[in-house]
Amino acid sequence: MNWLRFIGQRVLRAVIVSVVLVTATFVTVRMVPGNPAEKAVGIATDRTPEDQERAIRQAERDLHLDRPLPVQYAESLLAAARFDFGRSFQTNQLVTEIISDRLGSTLRLATGGTLVMLLLGVPLGIAVGALTNGRRPGVEVTFSGISGFIGSIPPYVLAVIGIFFFAYTWKIFPRIPEGSILDDVLPSLALGIGPAFLLARVVRVETLDVLQQDYVRTARSKWLPTRHMYLHDVLTNVLTPALTIGGVLFASLLGGAVVVEGIFGRNGLGATLINAVQLGDYPVVTAVTLLFGFMVVVANTLVDVLLGAVDPRTMVAK
């Protein structure tokens, strides 16, 4: 029963956040300067001003832009529930087809960045925590400075640095056809290294706290293997804050993916979103923005469920 109530609460929270997200997206998109109907019609030299005006008004009716805002908002909620946003203003292609064509590249990038963040951040934080447990203050200061510096570098800067050194200077990762696993290495590193060092800072502090607990001291006194102590006692207790912070960092990771995709010339949702904003393509902007938001909501919901599985106490605390 506890699990059913716990999951029900998380699903309800996800629905509420999704409604707020749809509302915020609806308001934000309508604040973008310019009339999408004008951009959809374009400028034709063979039209008189009167014909141009009539074409714009017809486009507004076809795109449902002439309806009252409350009606448009209700339609946005229904569209989000069905994830059916109609057709693009610019290409007349189904928005779902546009997203399905480009979603794979973005998912690979987000997955790669998340793996870099977790596989680098958690072991690094535990290792530095073990090294700085009551000694080596120089290592602590050095790590804090380096991790803070790298964690503050925007992903697009890391992307440019990675391309310059690893692709052009050292030829380690020359240009590889998109779709190959190797093509995901540099973008994933550029996206995940910054969050990995931020996560490592948190994990180091949590590791130091765990190492001071009585059960760890008891394990030391029993001369248990160091590997067993860190894998069984330290890692299991560090996973809870690591997953929590990782879920928070996932949102910034997706935001960085929008820019990183453009730098690496990937045909993903990031480039699609930027192009749609520039053209005032409401359906595409709304759909892609909501999809990014839903991915964050789903990721945080999964993190909550994983935390409940790792540490049942979190189900009561939350």
Protein backbone atom coordinates (compact mmCIF):
# COMPACT_ATOMS: atom_id res chain seq x y z
CA MET A 1 0.00 0.00 0.00
CA ASN A 2 2.88 2.36 0.77
CA TRP A 3 4.27 1.83 -2.72
CA LEU A 4 0.89 2.42 -4.35
CA ARG A 5 0.38 5.65 -2.41
CA PHE A 6 3.96 6.73 -3.10
CA ILE A 7 3.69 6.15 -6.86
CA GLY A 8 0.23 7.74 -6.94
CA GLN A 9 1.61 10.89 -5.29
CA ARG A 10 4.45 11.05 -7.80
CA VAL A 11 2.10 10.62 -10.76
CA LEU A 12 -0.23 13.33 -9.42
CA ARG A 13 2.73 15.65 -8.92
CA ALA A 14 3.90 14.96 -12.48
CA VAL A 15 0.43 15.80 -13.85
CA ILE A 16 0.27 19.09 -11.91
CA VAL A 17 3.76 20.09 -13.05
CA SER A 18 2.84 19.21 -16.62
CA VAL A 19 -0.25 21.46 -16.53
CA VAL A 20 1.88 24.31 -15.17
CA LEU A 21 4.42 23.63 -17.91
CA VAL A 22 1.75 23.77 -20.63
CA THR A 23 0.47 27.06 -19.21
CA ALA A 24 3.93 28.62 -19.03
CA THR A 25 4.75 27.45 -22.56
CA PHE A 26 1.47 28.82 -23.91
CA VAL A 27 2.08 32.26 -22.38
CA THR A 28 5.75 32.39 -23.38
CA VAL A 29 5.17 31.37 -26.99
CA ARG A 30 2.46 34.02 -27.40
CA MET A 31 4.93 36.66 -26.20
CA VAL A 32 7.35 35.96 -29.07
CA PRO A 33 7.38 39.05 -31.34
CA GLY A 34 5.84 38.79 -34.80
CA ASN A 35 2.72 37.32 -36.36
CA PRO A 36 3.16 33.63 -37.30
CA ALA A 37 0.49 34.02 -39.98
CA GLU A 38 2.59 36.66 -41.75
CA LYS A 39 5.62 34.36 -41.67
CA ALA A 40 3.55 31.43 -42.89
CA VAL A 41 2.17 33.43 -45.83
CA GLY A 42 5.44 35.12 -46.67
CA ILE A 43 5.84 38.09 -48.97
CA ALA A 44 4.82 37.66 -52.60
CA THR A 45 5.70 40.39 -55.08
CA ASP A 46 2.70 39.60 -57.26
CA ARG A 47 0.20 40.34 -54.47
CA THR A 48 -1.40 43.68 -53.86
CA PRO A 49 -1.47 44.95 -50.25
CA GLU A 50 -5.14 43.99 -50.09
CA ASP A 51 -4.43 40.45 -51.30
CA GLN A 52 -1.58 40.13 -48.81
CA GLU A 53 -3.87 41.21 -45.98
CA ARG A 54 -6.56 38.75 -47.05
CA ALA A 55 -3.99 35.95 -47.23
CA ILE A 56 -2.80 36.76 -43.71
CA ARG A 57 -6.34 36.75 -42.34
CA GLN A 58 -7.03 33.40 -44.05
CA ALA A 59 -3.83 31.97 -42.59
CA GLU A 60 -4.89 33.12 -39.11
CA ARG A 61 -8.20 31.27 -39.54
CA ASP A 62 -6.46 28.15 -40.85
CA LEU A 63 -3.98 28.20 -37.96
CA HIS A 64 -6.73 28.96 -35.39
CA LEU A 65 -4.95 32.17 -34.39
CA ASP A 66 -8.17 34.17 -34.73
CA ARG A 67 -9.79 32.35 -31.83
CA PRO A 68 -9.91 33.85 -28.30
CA LEU A 69 -6.92 33.10 -26.10
CA PRO A 70 -8.92 30.96 -23.63
CA VAL A 71 -10.02 28.76 -26.52
CA GLN A 72 -6.44 28.49 -27.78
CA TYR A 73 -5.31 27.62 -24.24
CA ALA A 74 -7.92 24.86 -23.94
CA GLU A 75 -6.82 23.49 -27.30
CA SER A 76 -3.20 23.53 -26.06
CA LEU A 77 -4.16 21.47 -23.00
CA LEU A 78 -6.01 18.93 -25.14
CA ALA A 79 -3.15 18.82 -27.63
CA ALA A 80 -0.65 18.24 -24.83
CA ALA A 81 -2.79 15.44 -23.39
CA ARG A 82 -2.87 13.72 -26.80
CA PHE A 83 0.54 15.04 -27.86
CA ASP A 84 -1.04 16.04 -31.14
CA PHE A 85 0.01 19.55 -32.14
CA GLY A 86 -1.17 19.48 -35.72
CA ARG A 87 1.09 20.67 -38.50
CA SER A 88 4.02 23.03 -38.70
CA PHE A 89 3.16 26.57 -39.82
CA GLN A 90 6.19 26.61 -42.10
CA THR A 91 6.45 23.15 -43.67
CA ASN A 92 2.89 21.84 -43.18
CA GLN A 93 4.49 18.64 -41.89
CA LEU A 94 2.97 16.88 -38.90
CA VAL A 95 4.72 18.05 -35.74
CA THR A 96 4.87 14.48 -34.43
CA GLU A 97 6.75 13.45 -37.58
CA ILE A 98 9.25 16.30 -37.14
CA ILE A 99 9.86 15.25 -33.54
CA SER A 100 10.14 11.53 -34.33
CA ASP A 101 12.73 12.26 -37.02
CA ARG A 102 14.96 14.23 -34.64
CA LEU A 103 14.25 12.77 -31.21
CA GLY A 104 16.74 9.91 -31.55
CA SER A 105 19.76 12.21 -31.83
CA THR A 106 18.71 14.25 -28.80
CA LEU A 107 17.99 11.16 -26.69
CA ARG A 108 21.41 9.72 -27.49
CA LEU A 109 23.04 12.97 -26.49
CA ALA A 110 21.03 13.28 -23.26
CA THR A 111 21.73 9.64 -22.37
CA GLY A 112 25.44 10.03 -23.09
CA GLY A 113 25.68 13.22 -21.04
CA THR A 114 23.85 11.58 -18.13
CA LEU A 115 26.17 8.56 -18.21
CA VAL A 116 29.23 10.83 -18.23
CA MET A 117 27.81 12.78 -15.30
CA LEU A 118 27.10 9.70 -13.18
CA LEU A 119 30.00 7.44 -14.17
CA LEU A 120 32.53 10.24 -13.71
CA GLY A 121 30.98 12.26 -10.90
CA VAL A 122 30.14 9.51 -8.39
CA PRO A 123 33.49 7.57 -8.45
CA LEU A 124 35.48 10.83 -8.54
CA GLY A 125 33.60 12.22 -5.54
CA ILE A 126 34.06 9.02 -3.54
CA ALA A 127 37.77 8.80 -4.43
CA VAL A 128 38.49 12.41 -3.47
CA GLY A 129 36.40 11.97 -0.31
CA ALA A 130 38.54 8.99 0.67
CA LEU A 131 41.74 10.95 -0.02
CA THR A 132 40.65 14.00 1.97
CA ASN A 133 39.21 12.16 4.98
CA GLY A 134 40.90 14.17 7.72
CA ARG A 135 44.12 14.69 5.79
CA ARG A 136 45.64 16.14 2.62
CA PRO A 137 44.12 19.64 2.80
CA GLY A 138 46.01 20.53 -0.35
CA VAL A 139 44.10 17.90 -2.32
CA GLU A 140 40.82 19.25 -0.97
CA VAL A 141 41.61 22.83 -1.95
CA THR A 142 42.89 21.79 -5.38
CA PHE A 143 39.84 19.64 -6.07
CA SER A 144 37.43 22.34 -4.92
CA GLY A 145 39.08 24.90 -7.20
CA ILE A 146 39.30 22.64 -10.26
CA SER A 147 35.79 21.22 -9.89
CA GLY A 148 34.28 24.66 -9.32
CA PHE A 149 36.08 26.04 -12.38
CA ILE A 150 35.16 23.17 -14.72
CA GLY A 151 31.61 23.01 -13.38
CA SER A 152 31.10 26.69 -14.22
CA ILE A 153 32.22 26.37 -17.86
CA PRO A 154 29.19 26.40 -20.20
CA PRO A 155 28.75 23.23 -22.28
CA TYR A 156 29.14 25.12 -25.56
CA VAL A 157 32.60 26.30 -24.49
CA LEU A 158 33.62 22.75 -23.63
CA ALA A 159 32.23 21.67 -27.00
CA VAL A 160 34.37 24.18 -28.87
CA ILE A 161 37.46 23.21 -26.85
CA GLY A 162 36.80 19.52 -27.50
CA ILE A 163 36.38 20.05 -31.24
CA PHE A 164 39.56 22.13 -31.48
CA PHE A 165 41.81 19.71 -29.61
CA PHE A 166 40.31 16.24 -30.12
CA ALA A 167 38.88 16.60 -33.62
CA TYR A 168 41.22 19.01 -35.42
CA THR A 169 44.51 19.23 -33.50
CA TRP A 170 45.04 15.66 -32.26
CA LYS A 171 42.67 13.92 -34.73
CA ILE A 172 41.44 11.57 -31.98
CA PHE A 173 37.80 12.11 -32.94
CA PRO A 174 37.69 13.29 -36.53
CA ARG A 175 34.32 13.96 -38.09
CA ILE A 176 32.31 10.73 -37.96
CA PRO A 177 28.99 10.14 -39.75
CA GLU A 178 26.04 11.00 -37.54
CA GLY A 179 24.37 7.94 -36.05
CA SER A 180 27.63 6.23 -35.11
CA ILE A 181 28.30 5.65 -31.42
CA LEU A 182 31.67 7.39 -31.76
CA ASP A 183 29.85 10.46 -33.04
CA ASP A 184 28.22 10.77 -29.60
CA VAL A 185 31.46 10.73 -27.60
CA LEU A 186 32.58 14.37 -27.89
CA PRO A 187 29.07 15.89 -27.55
CA SER A 188 28.35 13.69 -24.51
CA LEU A 189 31.63 14.67 -22.87
CA ALA A 190 31.01 18.37 -23.54
CA LEU A 191 27.54 18.06 -22.07
CA GLY A 192 28.32 15.86 -19.07
CA ILE A 193 31.73 16.93 -17.78
CA GLY A 194 30.52 20.14 -16.11
CA PRO A 195 27.63 18.50 -14.22
CA ALA A 196 29.93 15.57 -13.37
CA PHE A 197 32.32 17.82 -11.43
CA LEU A 198 29.43 19.57 -9.69
CA LEU A 199 28.03 16.17 -8.72
CA ALA A 200 31.49 15.06 -7.53
CA ARG A 201 31.62 17.99 -5.09
CA VAL A 202 28.37 16.86 -3.48
CA VAL A 203 29.40 13.20 -3.45
CA ARG A 204 32.72 14.07 -1.78
CA VAL A 205 30.96 15.84 1.08
CA GLU A 206 28.52 12.97 1.51
CA THR A 207 31.41 10.48 1.45
CA LEU A 208 33.18 12.35 4.23
CA ASP A 209 29.98 12.28 6.26
CA VAL A 210 29.51 8.53 5.75
CA LEU A 211 33.12 7.79 6.67
CA GLN A 212 32.52 9.39 10.08
CA GLN A 213 29.58 7.14 10.91
CA ASP A 214 29.87 4.47 13.60
CA TYR A 215 29.10 1.55 11.31
CA VAL A 216 32.03 2.49 9.06
CA ARG A 217 34.34 2.71 12.07
CA THR A 218 33.08 -0.72 13.15
CA ALA A 219 33.86 -2.08 9.69
CA ARG A 220 37.38 -0.65 9.95
CA SER A 221 37.89 -2.19 13.38
CA LYS A 222 36.89 -5.60 12.01
CA TRP A 223 39.54 -5.27 9.31
CA LEU A 224 36.98 -5.73 6.57
CA PRO A 225 38.34 -5.30 3.01
CA THR A 226 38.46 -1.68 1.93
CA ARG A 227 36.70 -2.54 -1.33
CA HIS A 228 33.82 -4.11 0.58
CA MET A 229 33.52 -1.08 2.85
CA TYR A 230 33.36 1.42 -0.03
CA LEU A 231 31.08 -0.66 -2.25
CA HIS A 232 28.72 -1.80 0.49
CA ASP A 233 28.68 0.99 3.07
CA VAL A 234 29.83 4.16 1.33
CA LEU A 235 28.39 3.74 -2.17
CA THR A 236 24.92 2.67 -1.03
CA ASN A 237 24.63 5.65 1.30
CA VAL A 238 26.01 8.11 -1.25
CA LEU A 239 23.59 7.00 -3.97
CA THR A 240 20.63 8.81 -2.40
CA PRO A 241 22.07 12.34 -2.59
CA ALA A 242 23.82 11.51 -5.87
CA LEU A 243 20.55 10.53 -7.55
CA THR A 244 18.78 13.56 -6.10
CA ILE A 245 21.39 16.01 -7.38
CA GLY A 246 21.65 14.09 -10.66
CA GLY A 247 17.92 14.59 -11.25
CA VAL A 248 18.29 18.32 -10.67
CA LEU A 249 21.32 18.55 -12.97
CA PHE A 250 19.46 16.65 -15.70
CA ALA A 251 17.37 19.75 -16.42
CA SER A 252 20.47 21.88 -17.03
CA LEU A 253 21.91 19.05 -19.08
CA LEU A 254 18.94 19.12 -21.45
CA GLY A 255 19.21 22.90 -21.73
CA GLY A 256 22.85 22.56 -22.70
CA ALA A 257 21.95 19.93 -25.29
CA VAL A 258 20.03 22.56 -27.28
CA VAL A 259 23.22 24.56 -27.87
CA VAL A 260 25.66 21.64 -28.09
CA GLU A 261 23.63 20.08 -30.91
CA GLY A 262 24.04 23.23 -32.97
CA ILE A 263 27.81 23.33 -32.43
CA PHE A 264 28.26 19.73 -33.56
CA GLY A 265 25.79 20.12 -36.44
CA ARG A 266 23.48 17.42 -35.12
CA ASN A 267 20.00 17.17 -36.59
CA GLY A 268 18.26 17.08 -33.22
CA LEU A 269 15.46 18.82 -31.39
CA GLY A 270 17.73 21.65 -30.27
CA ALA A 271 18.29 22.99 -33.79
CA THR A 272 14.60 22.39 -34.54
CA LEU A 273 13.56 24.47 -31.54
CA ILE A 274 15.88 27.37 -32.36
CA ASN A 275 14.71 27.45 -35.97
CA ALA A 276 11.04 27.28 -34.95
CA VAL A 277 11.45 30.18 -32.50
CA GLN A 278 13.03 32.31 -35.20
CA LEU A 279 10.16 31.55 -37.60
CA GLY A 280 7.40 31.87 -35.02
CA ASP A 281 6.25 28.28 -35.61
CA TYR A 282 3.92 27.93 -32.60
CA PRO A 283 3.11 24.20 -32.90
CA VAL A 284 6.75 23.12 -33.20
CA VAL A 285 7.96 25.46 -30.42
CA THR A 286 5.19 24.32 -28.11
CA ALA A 287 5.69 20.62 -28.83
CA VAL A 288 9.48 20.62 -28.46
CA THR A 289 9.41 22.79 -25.33
CA LEU A 290 6.79 20.57 -23.72
CA LEU A 291 8.72 17.45 -24.69
CA PHE A 292 11.86 18.76 -22.97
CA GLY A 293 9.77 19.64 -19.93
CA PHE A 294 8.09 16.24 -19.87
CA MET A 295 11.49 14.56 -20.07
CA VAL A 296 12.61 16.45 -16.97
CA VAL A 297 9.35 15.59 -15.16
CA VAL A 298 9.67 11.91 -16.06
CA ALA A 299 13.36 11.87 -15.07
CA ASN A 300 12.63 13.39 -11.66
CA THR A 301 9.71 11.01 -11.12
CA LEU A 302 11.96 8.05 -11.93
CA VAL A 303 14.59 9.42 -9.55
CA ASP A 304 11.99 9.57 -6.77
CA VAL A 305 10.98 5.95 -7.46
CA LEU A 306 14.63 4.84 -7.50
CA LEU A 307 15.24 6.67 -4.23
CA GLY A 308 12.27 4.87 -2.73
CA ALA A 309 13.73 1.54 -3.87
CA VAL A 310 17.26 2.34 -2.63
CA ASP A 311 16.17 3.94 0.64
CA PRO A 312 12.54 3.25 1.72
CA ARG A 313 12.84 6.02 4.29
CA THR A 314 12.51 8.59 1.50
CA MET A 315 8.96 7.41 0.83
CA VAL A 316 8.00 8.51 4.32
CA ALA A 317 10.07 11.71 4.21
CA LYS A 318 8.43 12.84 0.99
